[in-house]
Amino acid sequence: MENSISFWPNPVNNNLNITAKDFGFSNDVSVSIYDMMGKEILKVSDFNDPNALSVDVSSLSNGVYIVNLTDGQQTINKRIIKE
């Protein structure tokens, strides 16, 4: 399943895009972004299209973050770099 999920661009400047290929998320999808200390920095759960998500990360400082994507049934974690 993880191979069908794309997080791009990475490194990211303004908008992190998450797309699901050959896989559908439920409408309960949410994205949380954590710093490397495990503190939740940002959470978004209001998306128009759960299969083509975009998260504005422009307010984050440059660094490495963990993105947690969940739809209530499954969870995917990916590391991203904010430039």
N, C-alpha and C. Protein backbone atom coordinates (compact mmCIF):
# COMPACT_ATOMS: atom_id res chain seq x y z
N MET A 1 0.81 -1.19 0.00
CA MET A 1 0.00 0.00 0.00
C MET A 1 0.86 1.25 0.00
N GLU A 2 1.96 1.27 0.79
CA GLU A 2 2.79 2.47 0.85
C GLU A 2 3.36 2.84 -0.51
N ASN A 3 3.60 1.86 -1.35
CA ASN A 3 4.15 2.14 -2.67
C ASN A 3 3.16 2.89 -3.55
N SER A 4 1.88 2.85 -3.21
CA SER A 4 0.88 3.54 -4.01
C SER A 4 0.62 4.97 -3.52
N ILE A 5 1.34 5.39 -2.48
CA ILE A 5 1.18 6.74 -1.92
C ILE A 5 2.42 7.54 -2.25
N SER A 6 2.23 8.74 -2.82
CA SER A 6 3.35 9.62 -3.16
C SER A 6 3.28 10.90 -2.34
N PHE A 7 4.41 11.27 -1.75
CA PHE A 7 4.57 12.54 -1.04
C PHE A 7 5.55 13.36 -1.86
N TRP A 8 5.10 14.48 -2.40
CA TRP A 8 5.95 15.26 -3.30
C TRP A 8 5.62 16.74 -3.23
N PRO A 9 6.51 17.62 -3.54
CA PRO A 9 7.94 17.36 -3.73
C PRO A 9 8.61 17.12 -2.37
N ASN A 10 9.71 16.49 -2.38
CA ASN A 10 10.48 16.28 -1.17
C ASN A 10 11.95 16.36 -1.53
N PRO A 11 12.61 17.43 -1.17
CA PRO A 11 12.26 18.50 -0.22
C PRO A 11 11.12 19.39 -0.72
N VAL A 12 10.41 19.98 0.24
CA VAL A 12 9.24 20.80 -0.04
C VAL A 12 9.49 22.22 0.44
N ASN A 13 8.91 23.18 -0.28
CA ASN A 13 8.99 24.58 0.13
C ASN A 13 7.66 25.09 0.68
N ASN A 14 6.59 24.96 -0.09
CA ASN A 14 5.31 25.54 0.29
C ASN A 14 4.19 24.53 0.48
N ASN A 15 3.90 23.74 -0.54
CA ASN A 15 2.79 22.79 -0.48
C ASN A 15 3.29 21.36 -0.65
N LEU A 16 2.96 20.52 0.32
CA LEU A 16 3.25 19.11 0.24
C LEU A 16 2.04 18.42 -0.37
N ASN A 17 2.24 17.74 -1.47
CA ASN A 17 1.16 17.02 -2.14
C ASN A 17 1.25 15.54 -1.81
N ILE A 18 0.10 14.95 -1.58
CA ILE A 18 0.02 13.53 -1.27
C ILE A 18 -1.03 12.93 -2.20
N THR A 19 -0.61 11.99 -3.02
CA THR A 19 -1.54 11.37 -3.95
C THR A 19 -1.55 9.86 -3.74
N ALA A 20 -2.72 9.30 -3.97
CA ALA A 20 -2.91 7.85 -3.83
C ALA A 20 -3.15 7.27 -5.22
N LYS A 21 -2.29 6.36 -5.62
CA LYS A 21 -2.42 5.70 -6.92
C LYS A 21 -2.96 4.29 -6.68
N ASP A 22 -4.04 3.96 -7.36
CA ASP A 22 -4.66 2.64 -7.24
C ASP A 22 -5.05 2.31 -5.80
N PHE A 23 -5.38 3.34 -5.05
CA PHE A 23 -5.77 3.15 -3.66
C PHE A 23 -6.64 4.32 -3.26
N GLY A 24 -7.69 4.07 -2.51
CA GLY A 24 -8.58 5.16 -2.11
C GLY A 24 -8.64 5.31 -0.60
N PHE A 25 -8.49 6.53 -0.15
CA PHE A 25 -8.66 6.82 1.27
C PHE A 25 -10.13 7.07 1.54
N SER A 26 -10.53 6.83 2.77
CA SER A 26 -11.89 7.19 3.17
C SER A 26 -11.95 8.70 3.33
N ASN A 27 -13.13 9.23 3.56
CA ASN A 27 -13.29 10.67 3.74
C ASN A 27 -12.79 11.15 5.10
N ASP A 28 -12.36 10.23 5.98
CA ASP A 28 -11.87 10.58 7.30
C ASP A 28 -10.37 10.79 7.32
N VAL A 29 -9.77 11.08 6.19
CA VAL A 29 -8.32 11.21 6.10
C VAL A 29 -7.84 12.46 6.84
N SER A 30 -6.70 12.32 7.54
CA SER A 30 -6.07 13.47 8.19
C SER A 30 -4.56 13.34 8.06
N VAL A 31 -3.91 14.49 8.08
CA VAL A 31 -2.46 14.56 7.97
C VAL A 31 -1.94 15.33 9.18
N SER A 32 -1.02 14.73 9.90
CA SER A 32 -0.34 15.40 11.02
C SER A 32 1.14 15.46 10.70
N ILE A 33 1.76 16.58 11.06
CA ILE A 33 3.19 16.75 10.85
C ILE A 33 3.84 16.94 12.21
N TYR A 34 4.89 16.15 12.44
CA TYR A 34 5.60 16.16 13.72
C TYR A 34 7.05 16.58 13.51
N ASP A 35 7.60 17.30 14.50
CA ASP A 35 9.02 17.59 14.44
C ASP A 35 9.78 16.34 14.88
N MET A 36 11.10 16.39 14.84
CA MET A 36 11.89 15.21 15.15
C MET A 36 11.89 14.86 16.63
N MET A 37 11.33 15.72 17.47
CA MET A 37 11.18 15.43 18.89
C MET A 37 9.84 14.76 19.19
N GLY A 38 8.99 14.63 18.15
CA GLY A 38 7.70 13.98 18.32
C GLY A 38 6.56 14.92 18.64
N LYS A 39 6.81 16.22 18.60
CA LYS A 39 5.76 17.21 18.88
C LYS A 39 4.95 17.47 17.61
N GLU A 40 3.62 17.39 17.75
CA GLU A 40 2.76 17.68 16.60
C GLU A 40 2.82 19.17 16.30
N ILE A 41 3.17 19.50 15.07
CA ILE A 41 3.33 20.89 14.64
C ILE A 41 2.12 21.37 13.86
N LEU A 42 1.51 20.48 13.09
CA LEU A 42 0.43 20.86 12.18
C LEU A 42 -0.49 19.67 11.99
N LYS A 43 -1.80 19.93 11.94
CA LYS A 43 -2.76 18.86 11.65
C LYS A 43 -3.82 19.42 10.71
N VAL A 44 -4.10 18.67 9.64
CA VAL A 44 -5.10 19.07 8.65
C VAL A 44 -6.01 17.88 8.40
N SER A 45 -7.33 18.13 8.44
CA SER A 45 -8.26 17.03 8.19
C SER A 45 -9.43 17.45 7.30
N ASP A 46 -9.36 18.65 6.75
CA ASP A 46 -10.44 19.14 5.89
C ASP A 46 -9.93 19.19 4.45
N PHE A 47 -10.18 18.11 3.70
CA PHE A 47 -9.71 18.02 2.31
C PHE A 47 -10.90 17.87 1.38
N ASN A 48 -10.80 18.52 0.20
CA ASN A 48 -11.86 18.40 -0.80
C ASN A 48 -11.84 17.04 -1.48
N ASP A 49 -10.64 16.56 -1.80
CA ASP A 49 -10.48 15.27 -2.48
C ASP A 49 -9.53 14.41 -1.67
N PRO A 50 -10.02 13.38 -0.99
CA PRO A 50 -9.14 12.58 -0.14
C PRO A 50 -8.07 11.79 -0.89
N ASN A 51 -8.14 11.75 -2.21
CA ASN A 51 -7.12 11.02 -2.98
C ASN A 51 -6.09 11.95 -3.61
N ALA A 52 -6.22 13.26 -3.42
CA ALA A 52 -5.26 14.24 -3.91
C ALA A 52 -5.15 15.34 -2.87
N LEU A 53 -4.32 15.12 -1.87
CA LEU A 53 -4.21 16.02 -0.74
C LEU A 53 -3.10 17.04 -0.95
N SER A 54 -3.30 18.23 -0.41
CA SER A 54 -2.26 19.26 -0.43
C SER A 54 -2.25 19.93 0.93
N VAL A 55 -1.06 20.01 1.52
CA VAL A 55 -0.90 20.60 2.84
C VAL A 55 0.07 21.76 2.73
N ASP A 56 -0.35 22.94 3.19
CA ASP A 56 0.49 24.13 3.19
C ASP A 56 1.48 24.04 4.34
N VAL A 57 2.75 23.87 4.02
CA VAL A 57 3.80 23.77 5.03
C VAL A 57 4.71 25.00 5.03
N SER A 58 4.28 26.06 4.36
CA SER A 58 5.12 27.25 4.23
C SER A 58 5.45 27.89 5.58
N SER A 59 4.62 27.68 6.58
CA SER A 59 4.87 28.28 7.90
C SER A 59 5.87 27.49 8.74
N LEU A 60 6.24 26.30 8.30
CA LEU A 60 7.20 25.49 9.06
C LEU A 60 8.62 25.99 8.84
N SER A 61 9.43 25.87 9.86
CA SER A 61 10.85 26.19 9.74
C SER A 61 11.54 25.12 8.91
N ASN A 62 12.67 25.47 8.32
CA ASN A 62 13.44 24.50 7.56
C ASN A 62 13.88 23.37 8.48
N GLY A 63 13.80 22.14 7.99
CA GLY A 63 14.22 21.00 8.79
C GLY A 63 13.58 19.72 8.34
N VAL A 64 13.72 18.69 9.15
CA VAL A 64 13.19 17.36 8.86
C VAL A 64 11.95 17.13 9.72
N TYR A 65 10.90 16.59 9.10
CA TYR A 65 9.64 16.35 9.78
C TYR A 65 9.13 14.96 9.43
N ILE A 66 8.24 14.45 10.27
CA ILE A 66 7.55 13.19 10.01
C ILE A 66 6.10 13.52 9.68
N VAL A 67 5.63 13.02 8.55
CA VAL A 67 4.24 13.21 8.15
C VAL A 67 3.49 11.92 8.48
N ASN A 68 2.40 12.06 9.20
CA ASN A 68 1.56 10.93 9.58
C ASN A 68 0.24 11.09 8.84
N LEU A 69 -0.05 10.14 7.96
CA LEU A 69 -1.27 10.15 7.17
C LEU A 69 -2.15 9.01 7.66
N THR A 70 -3.38 9.31 8.04
CA THR A 70 -4.27 8.26 8.51
C THR A 70 -5.67 8.48 7.95
N ASP A 71 -6.37 7.38 7.76
CA ASP A 71 -7.77 7.48 7.32
C ASP A 71 -8.68 6.68 8.25
N GLY A 72 -8.22 6.43 9.46
CA GLY A 72 -9.03 5.72 10.43
C GLY A 72 -8.82 4.21 10.39
N GLN A 73 -8.37 3.70 9.26
CA GLN A 73 -8.14 2.26 9.12
C GLN A 73 -6.66 1.94 8.99
N GLN A 74 -5.90 2.86 8.46
CA GLN A 74 -4.47 2.63 8.23
C GLN A 74 -3.70 3.92 8.44
N THR A 75 -2.42 3.76 8.73
CA THR A 75 -1.55 4.90 8.98
C THR A 75 -0.27 4.72 8.20
N ILE A 76 0.19 5.81 7.60
CA ILE A 76 1.46 5.82 6.87
C ILE A 76 2.29 6.96 7.41
N ASN A 77 3.56 6.70 7.67
CA ASN A 77 4.49 7.73 8.13
C ASN A 77 5.58 7.89 7.09
N LYS A 78 5.89 9.14 6.77
CA LYS A 78 6.97 9.45 5.82
C LYS A 78 7.79 10.60 6.38
N ARG A 79 9.06 10.58 6.07
CA ARG A 79 9.95 11.67 6.48
C ARG A 79 10.03 12.66 5.32
N ILE A 80 9.91 13.94 5.64
CA ILE A 80 10.05 14.99 4.61
C ILE A 80 11.08 16.01 5.07
N ILE A 81 11.61 16.73 4.11
CA ILE A 81 12.52 17.83 4.38
C ILE A 81 11.86 19.12 3.94
N LYS A 82 11.80 20.09 4.84
CA LYS A 82 11.26 21.42 4.52
C LYS A 82 12.42 22.34 4.26
N GLU A 83 12.43 22.97 3.09
CA GLU A 83 13.49 23.93 2.73
C GLU A 83 12.95 25.34 2.77
